[in-house]
């Protein structure tokens, strides 16, 4: 019984600790892809979207899409999806390419 009471006290104390505010600013990331291209991506929260700049192409703004895990942004045949530091990039008229986040961002 004493152990249960002690656990309850710790649980209540944990509830009193304020949680840090979630990160709401944009997140910048760069990815190097197997096709030799580099993607510069700005992820935003409100709205939940990704702006993708790839040299030689028009900047693409993609809204977030529901996915079981990781992330997915897609619209009009363009798609960026991945998990952690790995991503897959597809642009209309081009084959999908695998990309890895470049350290330092």
PDB file of N, CA and C in Angstrom:
ATOM      1  N   UNK A   1       0.825  -1.190   0.000  1.00  0.00           N
ATOM      2  CA  UNK A   1       0.000   0.000   0.000  1.00  0.00           C
ATOM      3  C   UNK A   1       0.872   1.257   0.000  1.00  0.00           C
ATOM      4  N   UNK A   2       1.953   1.202   0.804  1.00  0.00           N
ATOM      5  CA  UNK A   2       2.834   2.362   0.893  1.00  0.00           C
ATOM      6  C   UNK A   2       3.480   2.659  -0.463  1.00  0.00           C
ATOM      7  N   UNK A   3       3.835   1.624  -1.191  1.00  0.00           N
ATOM      8  CA  UNK A   3       4.431   1.786  -2.514  1.00  0.00           C
ATOM      9  C   UNK A   3       3.441   2.433  -3.476  1.00  0.00           C
ATOM     10  N   UNK A   4       2.174   2.016  -3.396  1.00  0.00           N
ATOM     11  CA  UNK A   4       1.136   2.603  -4.241  1.00  0.00           C
ATOM     12  C   UNK A   4       0.968   4.090  -3.926  1.00  0.00           C
ATOM     13  N   UNK A   5       0.958   4.465  -2.654  1.00  0.00           N
ATOM     14  CA  UNK A   5       0.812   5.866  -2.258  1.00  0.00           C
ATOM     15  C   UNK A   5       1.997   6.689  -2.762  1.00  0.00           C
ATOM     16  N   UNK A   6       3.188   6.145  -2.670  1.00  0.00           N
ATOM     17  CA  UNK A   6       4.384   6.847  -3.139  1.00  0.00           C
ATOM     18  C   UNK A   6       4.328   7.039  -4.657  1.00  0.00           C
ATOM     19  N   UNK A   7       3.887   6.021  -5.368  1.00  0.00           N
ATOM     20  CA  UNK A   7       3.754   6.135  -6.823  1.00  0.00           C
ATOM     21  C   UNK A   7       2.727   7.189  -7.194  1.00  0.00           C
ATOM     22  N   UNK A   8       1.638   7.267  -6.457  1.00  0.00           N
ATOM     23  CA  UNK A   8       0.602   8.269  -6.721  1.00  0.00           C
ATOM     24  C   UNK A   8       1.149   9.674  -6.498  1.00  0.00           C
ATOM     25  N   UNK A   9       1.948   9.874  -5.460  1.00  0.00           N
ATOM     26  CA  UNK A   9       2.540  11.186  -5.186  1.00  0.00           C
ATOM     27  C   UNK A   9       3.452  11.604  -6.341  1.00  0.00           C
ATOM     28  N   UNK A  10       4.293  10.683  -6.826  1.00  0.00           N
ATOM     29  CA  UNK A  10       5.181  10.997  -7.947  1.00  0.00           C
ATOM     30  C   UNK A  10       4.393  11.294  -9.216  1.00  0.00           C
ATOM     31  N   UNK A  11       3.328  10.560  -9.440  1.00  0.00           N
ATOM     32  CA  UNK A  11       2.502  10.796 -10.622  1.00  0.00           C
ATOM     33  C   UNK A  11       1.866  12.172 -10.569  1.00  0.00           C
ATOM     34  N   UNK A  12       1.367  12.559  -9.413  1.00  0.00           N
ATOM     35  CA  UNK A  12       0.767  13.893  -9.276  1.00  0.00           C
ATOM     36  C   UNK A  12       1.814  14.984  -9.437  1.00  0.00           C
ATOM     37  N   UNK A  13       2.997  14.764  -8.915  1.00  0.00           N
ATOM     38  CA  UNK A  13       4.069  15.756  -9.058  1.00  0.00           C
ATOM     39  C   UNK A  13       4.439  15.929 -10.519  1.00  0.00           C
ATOM     40  N   UNK A  14       4.453  14.838 -11.278  1.00  0.00           N
ATOM     41  CA  UNK A  14       4.788  14.920 -12.696  1.00  0.00           C
ATOM     42  C   UNK A  14       3.743  15.735 -13.443  1.00  0.00           C
ATOM     43  N   UNK A  15       2.498  15.643 -13.037  1.00  0.00           N
ATOM     44  CA  UNK A  15       1.438  16.404 -13.691  1.00  0.00           C
ATOM     45  C   UNK A  15       1.564  17.895 -13.429  1.00  0.00           C
ATOM     46  N   UNK A  16       2.202  18.270 -12.346  1.00  0.00           N
ATOM     47  CA  UNK A  16       2.344  19.668 -12.002  1.00  0.00           C
ATOM     48  C   UNK A  16       3.467  20.357 -12.767  1.00  0.00           C
ATOM     49  N   UNK A  17       4.361  19.600 -13.332  1.00  0.00           N
ATOM     50  CA  UNK A  17       5.490  20.170 -14.050  1.00  0.00           C
ATOM     51  C   UNK A  17       5.006  20.728 -15.388  1.00  0.00           C
ATOM     52  N   UNK A  18       5.261  22.024 -15.640  1.00  0.00           N
ATOM     53  CA  UNK A  18       4.816  22.573 -16.927  1.00  0.00           C
ATOM     54  C   UNK A  18       5.577  21.950 -18.088  1.00  0.00           C
ATOM     55  N   UNK A  19       4.869  21.673 -19.152  1.00  0.00           N
ATOM     56  CA  UNK A  19       5.485  21.113 -20.351  1.00  0.00           C
ATOM     57  C   UNK A  19       6.023  22.245 -21.213  1.00  0.00           C
ATOM     58  N   UNK A  20       7.131  22.009 -21.890  1.00  0.00           N
ATOM     59  CA  UNK A  20       7.646  23.049 -22.786  1.00  0.00           C
ATOM     60  C   UNK A  20       6.688  23.261 -23.954  1.00  0.00           C
ATOM     61  N   UNK A  21       6.652  24.474 -24.447  1.00  0.00           N
ATOM     62  CA  UNK A  21       5.793  24.785 -25.592  1.00  0.00           C
ATOM     63  C   UNK A  21       6.308  24.027 -26.809  1.00  0.00           C
ATOM     64  N   UNK A  22       5.402  23.504 -27.635  1.00  0.00           N
ATOM     65  CA  UNK A  22       5.850  22.797 -28.836  1.00  0.00           C
ATOM     66  C   UNK A  22       6.534  23.748 -29.808  1.00  0.00           C
ATOM     67  N   UNK A  23       7.476  23.218 -30.551  1.00  0.00           N
ATOM     68  CA  UNK A  23       8.175  24.003 -31.567  1.00  0.00           C
ATOM     69  C   UNK A  23       7.179  24.384 -32.658  1.00  0.00           C
ATOM     70  N   UNK A  24       7.030  25.683 -32.919  1.00  0.00           N
ATOM     71  CA  UNK A  24       6.055  26.119 -33.915  1.00  0.00           C
ATOM     72  C   UNK A  24       6.689  26.839 -35.101  1.00  0.00           C
ATOM     73  N   UNK A  25       7.955  27.183 -34.979  1.00  0.00           N
ATOM     74  CA  UNK A  25       8.626  27.891 -36.066  1.00  0.00           C
ATOM     75  C   UNK A  25       8.983  26.959 -37.205  1.00  0.00           C
ATOM     76  N   UNK A  26       9.364  27.520 -38.336  1.00  0.00           N
ATOM     77  CA  UNK A  26       9.752  26.674 -39.468  1.00  0.00           C
ATOM     78  C   UNK A  26      11.032  25.900 -39.165  1.00  0.00           C
ATOM     79  N   UNK A  27      11.148  24.738 -39.779  1.00  0.00           N
ATOM     80  CA  UNK A  27      12.339  23.901 -39.647  1.00  0.00           C
ATOM     81  C   UNK A  27      12.954  23.774 -41.035  1.00  0.00           C
ATOM     82  N   UNK A  28      14.228  24.124 -41.153  1.00  0.00           N
ATOM     83  CA  UNK A  28      14.949  24.043 -42.424  1.00  0.00           C
ATOM     84  C   UNK A  28      15.767  22.755 -42.467  1.00  0.00           C
ATOM     85  N   UNK A  29      15.727  22.075 -43.596  1.00  0.00           N
ATOM     86  CA  UNK A  29      16.516  20.857 -43.775  1.00  0.00           C
ATOM     87  C   UNK A  29      16.992  20.793 -45.224  1.00  0.00           C
ATOM     88  N   UNK A  30      18.157  20.188 -45.413  1.00  0.00           N
ATOM     89  CA  UNK A  30      18.689  19.953 -46.758  1.00  0.00           C
ATOM     90  C   UNK A  30      18.925  18.470 -46.920  1.00  0.00           C
ATOM     91  N   UNK A  31      18.598  17.964 -48.109  1.00  0.00           N
ATOM     92  CA  UNK A  31      18.747  16.551 -48.418  1.00  0.00           C
ATOM     93  C   UNK A  31      19.575  16.389 -49.689  1.00  0.00           C
ATOM     94  N   UNK A  32      20.508  15.445 -49.675  1.00  0.00           N
ATOM     95  CA  UNK A  32      21.269  15.083 -50.872  1.00  0.00           C
ATOM     96  C   UNK A  32      20.646  13.804 -51.408  1.00  0.00           C
ATOM     97  N   UNK A  33      20.304  13.823 -52.696  1.00  0.00           N
ATOM     98  CA  UNK A  33      19.587  12.707 -53.295  1.00  0.00           C
ATOM     99  C   UNK A  33      20.493  11.874 -54.193  1.00  0.00           C
ATOM    100  N   UNK A  34      20.108  10.608 -54.396  1.00  0.00           N
ATOM    101  CA  UNK A  34      20.892   9.684 -55.212  1.00  0.00           C
ATOM    102  C   UNK A  34      21.022  10.144 -56.659  1.00  0.00           C
ATOM    103  N   UNK A  35      20.067  10.961 -57.135  1.00  0.00           N
ATOM    104  CA  UNK A  35      20.151  11.448 -58.518  1.00  0.00           C
ATOM    105  C   UNK A  35      21.092  12.642 -58.646  1.00  0.00           C
ATOM    106  N   UNK A  36      21.775  13.014 -57.547  1.00  0.00           N
ATOM    107  CA  UNK A  36      22.733  14.113 -57.564  1.00  0.00           C
ATOM    108  C   UNK A  36      22.148  15.453 -57.175  1.00  0.00           C
ATOM    109  N   UNK A  37      20.854  15.539 -57.002  1.00  0.00           N
ATOM    110  CA  UNK A  37      20.228  16.814 -56.657  1.00  0.00           C
ATOM    111  C   UNK A  37      20.274  17.056 -55.148  1.00  0.00           C
ATOM    112  N   UNK A  38      20.068  18.312 -54.787  1.00  0.00           N
ATOM    113  CA  UNK A  38      19.962  18.716 -53.389  1.00  0.00           C
ATOM    114  C   UNK A  38      18.600  19.373 -53.214  1.00  0.00           C
ATOM    115  N   UNK A  39      17.878  18.939 -52.176  1.00  0.00           N
ATOM    116  CA  UNK A  39      16.592  19.546 -51.838  1.00  0.00           C
ATOM    117  C   UNK A  39      16.771  20.421 -50.618  1.00  0.00           C
ATOM    118  N   UNK A  40      16.310  21.652 -50.689  1.00  0.00           N
ATOM    119  CA  UNK A  40      16.253  22.527 -49.529  1.00  0.00           C
ATOM    120  C   UNK A  40      14.783  22.626 -49.152  1.00  0.00           C
ATOM    121  N   UNK A  41      14.459  22.166 -47.948  1.00  0.00           N
ATOM    122  CA  UNK A  41      13.072  22.040 -47.525  1.00  0.00           C
ATOM    123  C   UNK A  41      12.823  22.889 -46.289  1.00  0.00           C
ATOM    124  N   UNK A  42      11.703  23.617 -46.301  1.00  0.00           N
ATOM    125  CA  UNK A  42      11.245  24.353 -45.126  1.00  0.00           C
ATOM    126  C   UNK A  42       9.938  23.710 -44.700  1.00  0.00           C
ATOM    127  N   UNK A  43       9.944  23.092 -43.510  1.00  0.00           N
ATOM    128  CA  UNK A  43       8.751  22.491 -42.943  1.00  0.00           C
ATOM    129  C   UNK A  43       8.079  23.513 -42.039  1.00  0.00           C
ATOM    130  N   UNK A  44       6.775  23.723 -42.207  1.00  0.00           N
ATOM    131  CA  UNK A  44       6.030  24.645 -41.348  1.00  0.00           C
ATOM    132  C   UNK A  44       4.920  23.894 -40.625  1.00  0.00           C
ATOM    133  N   UNK A  45       4.453  24.458 -39.514  1.00  0.00           N
ATOM    134  CA  UNK A  45       3.408  23.824 -38.705  1.00  0.00           C
ATOM    135  C   UNK A  45       2.027  24.398 -38.977  1.00  0.00           C
ATOM    136  N   UNK A  46       1.943  25.676 -39.235  1.00  0.00           N
ATOM    137  CA  UNK A  46       0.632  26.303 -39.385  1.00  0.00           C
ATOM    138  C   UNK A  46       0.626  27.184 -40.613  1.00  0.00           C
ATOM    139  N   UNK A  47       0.348  26.672 -41.781  1.00  0.00           N
ATOM    140  CA  UNK A  47      -0.203  25.340 -42.029  1.00  0.00           C
ATOM    141  C   UNK A  47       0.890  24.286 -42.038  1.00  0.00           C
ATOM    142  N   UNK A  48       0.489  23.028 -41.854  1.00  0.00           N
ATOM    143  CA  UNK A  48       1.417  21.908 -41.876  1.00  0.00           C
ATOM    144  C   UNK A  48       1.755  21.634 -43.338  1.00  0.00           C
ATOM    145  N   UNK A  49       2.947  22.082 -43.749  1.00  0.00           N
ATOM    146  CA  UNK A  49       3.314  22.016 -45.167  1.00  0.00           C
ATOM    147  C   UNK A  49       4.830  21.959 -45.301  1.00  0.00           C
ATOM    148  N   UNK A  50       5.272  21.693 -46.524  1.00  0.00           N
ATOM    149  CA  UNK A  50       6.699  21.695 -46.843  1.00  0.00           C
ATOM    150  C   UNK A  50       6.903  22.487 -48.129  1.00  0.00           C
ATOM    151  N   UNK A  51       7.890  23.379 -48.120  1.00  0.00           N
ATOM    152  CA  UNK A  51       8.288  24.137 -49.312  1.00  0.00           C
ATOM    153  C   UNK A  51       9.611  23.549 -49.774  1.00  0.00           C
ATOM    154  N   UNK A  52       9.626  23.036 -51.007  1.00  0.00           N
ATOM    155  CA  UNK A  52      10.789  22.316 -51.510  1.00  0.00           C
ATOM    156  C   UNK A  52      11.412  23.077 -52.669  1.00  0.00           C
ATOM    157  N   UNK A  53      12.685  23.406 -52.500  1.00  0.00           N
ATOM    158  CA  UNK A  53      13.452  24.074 -53.551  1.00  0.00           C
ATOM    159  C   UNK A  53      14.500  23.091 -54.054  1.00  0.00           C
ATOM    160  N   UNK A  54      14.492  22.874 -55.366  1.00  0.00           N
ATOM    161  CA  UNK A  54      15.456  21.996 -56.027  1.00  0.00           C
ATOM    162  C   UNK A  54      16.017  22.779 -57.201  1.00  0.00           C
ATOM    163  N   UNK A  55      17.349  22.880 -57.281  1.00  0.00           N
ATOM    164  CA  UNK A  55      17.985  23.671 -58.332  1.00  0.00           C
ATOM    165  C   UNK A  55      17.486  23.255 -59.712  1.00  0.00           C
ATOM    166  N   UNK A  56      17.121  24.272 -60.502  1.00  0.00           N
ATOM    167  CA  UNK A  56      16.657  24.028 -61.855  1.00  0.00           C
ATOM    168  C   UNK A  56      15.156  23.814 -61.969  1.00  0.00           C
ATOM    169  N   UNK A  57      14.450  23.809 -60.849  1.00  0.00           N
ATOM    170  CA  UNK A  57      13.003  23.574 -60.851  1.00  0.00           C
ATOM    171  C   UNK A  57      12.281  24.675 -60.075  1.00  0.00           C
ATOM    172  N   UNK A  58      11.006  24.807 -60.355  1.00  0.00           N
ATOM    173  CA  UNK A  58      10.161  25.741 -59.621  1.00  0.00           C
ATOM    174  C   UNK A  58       9.984  25.258 -58.182  1.00  0.00           C
ATOM    175  N   UNK A  59       9.968  26.187 -57.238  1.00  0.00           N
ATOM    176  CA  UNK A  59       9.717  25.850 -55.836  1.00  0.00           C
ATOM    177  C   UNK A  59       8.321  25.253 -55.724  1.00  0.00           C
ATOM    178  N   UNK A  60       8.204  24.179 -54.931  1.00  0.00           N
ATOM    179  CA  UNK A  60       6.938  23.466 -54.779  1.00  0.00           C
ATOM    180  C   UNK A  60       6.489  23.563 -53.322  1.00  0.00           C
ATOM    181  N   UNK A  61       5.226  23.954 -53.105  1.00  0.00           N
ATOM    182  CA  UNK A  61       4.618  23.955 -51.776  1.00  0.00           C
ATOM    183  C   UNK A  61       3.680  22.762 -51.684  1.00  0.00           C
ATOM    184  N   UNK A  62       3.937  21.879 -50.719  1.00  0.00           N
ATOM    185  CA  UNK A  62       3.144  20.664 -50.580  1.00  0.00           C
ATOM    186  C   UNK A  62       2.475  20.607 -49.214  1.00  0.00           C
ATOM    187  N   UNK A  63       1.165  20.355 -49.173  1.00  0.00           N
ATOM    188  CA  UNK A  63       0.484  20.184 -47.889  1.00  0.00           C
ATOM    189  C   UNK A  63       0.788  18.811 -47.297  1.00  0.00           C
ATOM    190  N   UNK A  64       0.699  18.726 -45.968  1.00  0.00           N
ATOM    191  CA  UNK A  64       0.909  17.456 -45.281  1.00  0.00           C
ATOM    192  C   UNK A  64      -0.234  16.501 -45.605  1.00  0.00           C
ATOM    193  N   UNK A  65       0.083  15.231 -45.658  1.00  0.00           N
ATOM    194  CA  UNK A  65      -0.900  14.169 -45.884  1.00  0.00           C
ATOM    195  C   UNK A  65      -0.821  13.180 -44.727  1.00  0.00           C
ATOM    196  N   UNK A  66      -1.903  12.502 -44.461  1.00  0.00           N
ATOM    197  CA  UNK A  66      -1.944  11.521 -43.386  1.00  0.00           C
ATOM    198  C   UNK A  66      -1.087  10.323 -43.771  1.00  0.00           C
ATOM    199  N   UNK A  67      -0.284   9.862 -42.832  1.00  0.00           N
ATOM    200  CA  UNK A  67       0.550   8.689 -43.033  1.00  0.00           C
ATOM    201  C   UNK A  67       0.610   7.905 -41.737  1.00  0.00           C
ATOM    202  N   UNK A  68       0.846   6.620 -41.833  1.00  0.00           N
ATOM    203  CA  UNK A  68       0.888   5.775 -40.639  1.00  0.00           C
ATOM    204  C   UNK A  68       2.099   6.100 -39.760  1.00  0.00           C
ATOM    205  N   UNK A  69       3.223   6.432 -40.385  1.00  0.00           N
ATOM    206  CA  UNK A  69       4.412   6.810 -39.626  1.00  0.00           C
ATOM    207  C   UNK A  69       5.284   7.694 -40.503  1.00  0.00           C
ATOM    208  N   UNK A  70       6.185   8.418 -39.881  1.00  0.00           N
ATOM    209  CA  UNK A  70       7.041   9.331 -40.630  1.00  0.00           C
ATOM    210  C   UNK A  70       6.270  10.550 -41.089  1.00  0.00           C
ATOM    211  N   UNK A  71       6.609  11.048 -42.260  1.00  0.00           N
ATOM    212  CA  UNK A  71       5.937  12.232 -42.795  1.00  0.00           C
ATOM    213  C   UNK A  71       5.666  12.039 -44.279  1.00  0.00           C
ATOM    214  N   UNK A  72       4.678  12.789 -44.768  1.00  0.00           N
ATOM    215  CA  UNK A  72       4.336  12.747 -46.183  1.00  0.00           C
ATOM    216  C   UNK A  72       3.726  14.086 -46.564  1.00  0.00           C
ATOM    217  N   UNK A  73       4.255  14.680 -47.624  1.00  0.00           N
ATOM    218  CA  UNK A  73       3.745  15.923 -48.197  1.00  0.00           C
ATOM    219  C   UNK A  73       3.547  15.655 -49.673  1.00  0.00           C
ATOM    220  N   UNK A  74       2.355  15.938 -50.195  1.00  0.00           N
ATOM    221  CA  UNK A  74       2.096  15.600 -51.594  1.00  0.00           C
ATOM    222  C   UNK A  74       1.022  16.494 -52.189  1.00  0.00           C
ATOM    223  N   UNK A  75       1.159  16.741 -53.510  1.00  0.00           N
ATOM    224  CA  UNK A  75       0.158  17.477 -54.260  1.00  0.00           C
ATOM    225  C   UNK A  75       0.569  17.492 -55.730  1.00  0.00           C
ATOM    226  N   UNK A  76      -0.398  17.343 -56.616  1.00  0.00           N
ATOM    227  CA  UNK A  76      -0.182  17.457 -58.067  1.00  0.00           C
ATOM    228  C   UNK A  76       0.993  16.634 -58.589  1.00  0.00           C
ATOM    229  N   UNK A  77       1.166  15.424 -58.100  1.00  0.00           N
ATOM    230  CA  UNK A  77       2.210  14.543 -58.602  1.00  0.00           C
ATOM    231  C   UNK A  77       3.564  14.674 -57.943  1.00  0.00           C
ATOM    232  N   UNK A  78       3.747  15.682 -57.079  1.00  0.00           N
ATOM    233  CA  UNK A  78       4.989  15.809 -56.318  1.00  0.00           C
ATOM    234  C   UNK A  78       4.770  15.198 -54.943  1.00  0.00           C
ATOM    235  N   UNK A  79       5.779  14.496 -54.432  1.00  0.00           N
ATOM    236  CA  UNK A  79       5.641  13.869 -53.116  1.00  0.00           C
ATOM    237  C   UNK A  79       6.984  13.790 -52.417  1.00  0.00           C
ATOM    238  N   UNK A  80       7.000  14.214 -51.162  1.00  0.00           N
ATOM    239  CA  UNK A  80       8.150  14.042 -50.283  1.00  0.00           C
ATOM    240  C   UNK A  80       7.655  13.233 -49.097  1.00  0.00           C
ATOM    241  N   UNK A  81       8.269  12.067 -48.899  1.00  0.00           N
ATOM    242  CA  UNK A  81       7.872  11.251 -47.761  1.00  0.00           C
ATOM    243  C   UNK A  81       9.120  10.651 -47.143  1.00  0.00           C
ATOM    244  N   UNK A  82       9.048  10.381 -45.857  1.00  0.00           N
ATOM    245  CA  UNK A  82      10.201   9.791 -45.211  1.00  0.00           C
ATOM    246  C   UNK A  82      10.016   9.630 -43.730  1.00  0.00           C
ATOM    247  N   UNK A  83      11.131   9.306 -43.097  1.00  0.00           N
ATOM    248  CA  UNK A  83      11.164   9.122 -41.654  1.00  0.00           C
ATOM    249  C   UNK A  83      12.581   9.450 -41.198  1.00  0.00           C
ATOM    250  N   UNK A  84      12.682  10.224 -40.145  1.00  0.00           N
ATOM    251  CA  UNK A  84      13.994  10.587 -39.626  1.00  0.00           C
ATOM    252  C   UNK A  84      14.801  11.365 -40.647  1.00  0.00           C
ATOM    253  N   UNK A  85      15.997  10.893 -40.939  1.00  0.00           N
ATOM    254  CA  UNK A  85      16.891  11.603 -41.867  1.00  0.00           C
ATOM    255  C   UNK A  85      16.810  11.081 -43.296  1.00  0.00           C
ATOM    256  N   UNK A  86      15.964  10.092 -43.549  1.00  0.00           N
ATOM    257  CA  UNK A  86      15.820   9.516 -44.885  1.00  0.00           C
ATOM    258  C   UNK A  86      14.529  10.004 -45.520  1.00  0.00           C
ATOM    259  N   UNK A  87      14.565  10.282 -46.831  1.00  0.00           N
ATOM    260  CA  UNK A  87      13.385  10.757 -47.547  1.00  0.00           C
ATOM    261  C   UNK A  87      13.348  10.179 -48.957  1.00  0.00           C
ATOM    262  N   UNK A  88      12.172  10.209 -49.552  1.00  0.00           N
ATOM    263  CA  UNK A  88      11.961   9.792 -50.937  1.00  0.00           C
ATOM    264  C   UNK A  88      11.282  10.959 -51.634  1.00  0.00           C
ATOM    265  N   UNK A  89      11.823  11.373 -52.775  1.00  0.00           N
ATOM    266  CA  UNK A  89      11.331  12.559 -53.480  1.00  0.00           C
ATOM    267  C   UNK A  89      10.875  12.163 -54.873  1.00  0.00           C
ATOM    268  N   UNK A  90       9.663  12.587 -55.234  1.00  0.00           N
ATOM    269  CA  UNK A  90       9.116  12.351 -56.560  1.00  0.00           C
ATOM    270  C   UNK A  90       8.580  13.662 -57.105  1.00  0.00           C
ATOM    271  N   UNK A  91       8.949  13.974 -58.346  1.00  0.00           N
ATOM    272  CA  UNK A  91       8.462  15.155 -59.062  1.00  0.00           C
ATOM    273  C   UNK A  91       7.838  14.647 -60.359  1.00  0.00           C
ATOM    274  N   UNK A  92       6.750  15.275 -60.815  1.00  0.00           N
ATOM    275  CA  UNK A  92       6.116  14.801 -62.058  1.00  0.00           C
ATOM    276  C   UNK A  92       7.132  14.666 -63.198  1.00  0.00           C
ATOM    277  N   UNK A  93       7.076  13.538 -63.886  1.00  0.00           N
ATOM    278  CA  UNK A  93       7.961  13.301 -65.019  1.00  0.00           C
ATOM    279  C   UNK A  93       9.334  12.772 -64.652  1.00  0.00           C
ATOM    280  N   UNK A  94       9.590  12.584 -63.353  1.00  0.00           N
ATOM    281  CA  UNK A  94      10.900  12.083 -62.919  1.00  0.00           C
ATOM    282  C   UNK A  94      10.706  10.848 -62.039  1.00  0.00           C
ATOM    283  N   UNK A  95      11.680   9.970 -62.052  1.00  0.00           N
ATOM    284  CA  UNK A  95      11.629   8.780 -61.198  1.00  0.00           C
ATOM    285  C   UNK A  95      11.865   9.180 -59.748  1.00  0.00           C
ATOM    286  N   UNK A  96      11.320   8.395 -58.825  1.00  0.00           N
ATOM    287  CA  UNK A  96      11.547   8.637 -57.395  1.00  0.00           C
ATOM    288  C   UNK A  96      13.024   8.490 -57.109  1.00  0.00           C
ATOM    289  N   UNK A  97      13.524   9.340 -56.211  1.00  0.00           N
ATOM    290  CA  UNK A  97      14.917   9.253 -55.804  1.00  0.00           C
ATOM    291  C   UNK A  97      14.984   9.225 -54.283  1.00  0.00           C
ATOM    292  N   UNK A  98      15.937   8.467 -53.747  1.00  0.00           N
ATOM    293  CA  UNK A  98      16.153   8.382 -52.309  1.00  0.00           C
ATOM    294  C   UNK A  98      17.100   9.504 -51.896  1.00  0.00           C
ATOM    295  N   UNK A  99      16.812  10.098 -50.746  1.00  0.00           N
ATOM    296  CA  UNK A  99      17.592  11.240 -50.265  1.00  0.00           C
ATOM    297  C   UNK A  99      17.945  11.047 -48.794  1.00  0.00           C
ATOM    298  N   UNK A 100      19.051  11.647 -48.380  1.00  0.00           N
ATOM    299  CA  UNK A 100      19.482  11.634 -46.981  1.00  0.00           C
ATOM    300  C   UNK A 100      19.740  13.058 -46.536  1.00  0.00           C
ATOM    301  N   UNK A 101      19.322  13.360 -45.298  1.00  0.00           N
ATOM    302  CA  UNK A 101      19.525  14.700 -44.788  1.00  0.00           C
ATOM    303  C   UNK A 101      21.009  14.993 -44.662  1.00  0.00           C
ATOM    304  N   UNK A 102      21.388  16.193 -45.047  1.00  0.00           N
ATOM    305  CA  UNK A 102      22.771  16.639 -44.945  1.00  0.00           C
ATOM    306  C   UNK A 102      22.978  17.150 -43.533  1.00  0.00           C
ATOM    307  N   UNK A 103      24.006  16.639 -42.852  1.00  0.00           N
ATOM    308  CA  UNK A 103      24.287  17.064 -41.464  1.00  0.00           C
ATOM    309  C   UNK A 103      24.563  18.545 -41.410  1.00  0.00           C
ATOM    310  N   UNK A 104      24.266  19.117 -40.242  1.00  0.00           N
ATOM    311  CA  UNK A 104      24.539  20.538 -40.028  1.00  0.00           C
ATOM    312  C   UNK A 104      23.316  21.398 -40.152  1.00  0.00           C
ATOM    313  N   UNK A 105      22.159  20.818 -40.483  1.00  0.00           N
ATOM    314  CA  UNK A 105      20.917  21.596 -40.572  1.00  0.00           C
ATOM    315  C   UNK A 105      19.988  21.200 -39.477  1.00  0.00           C
TER     316      UNK A 105
END
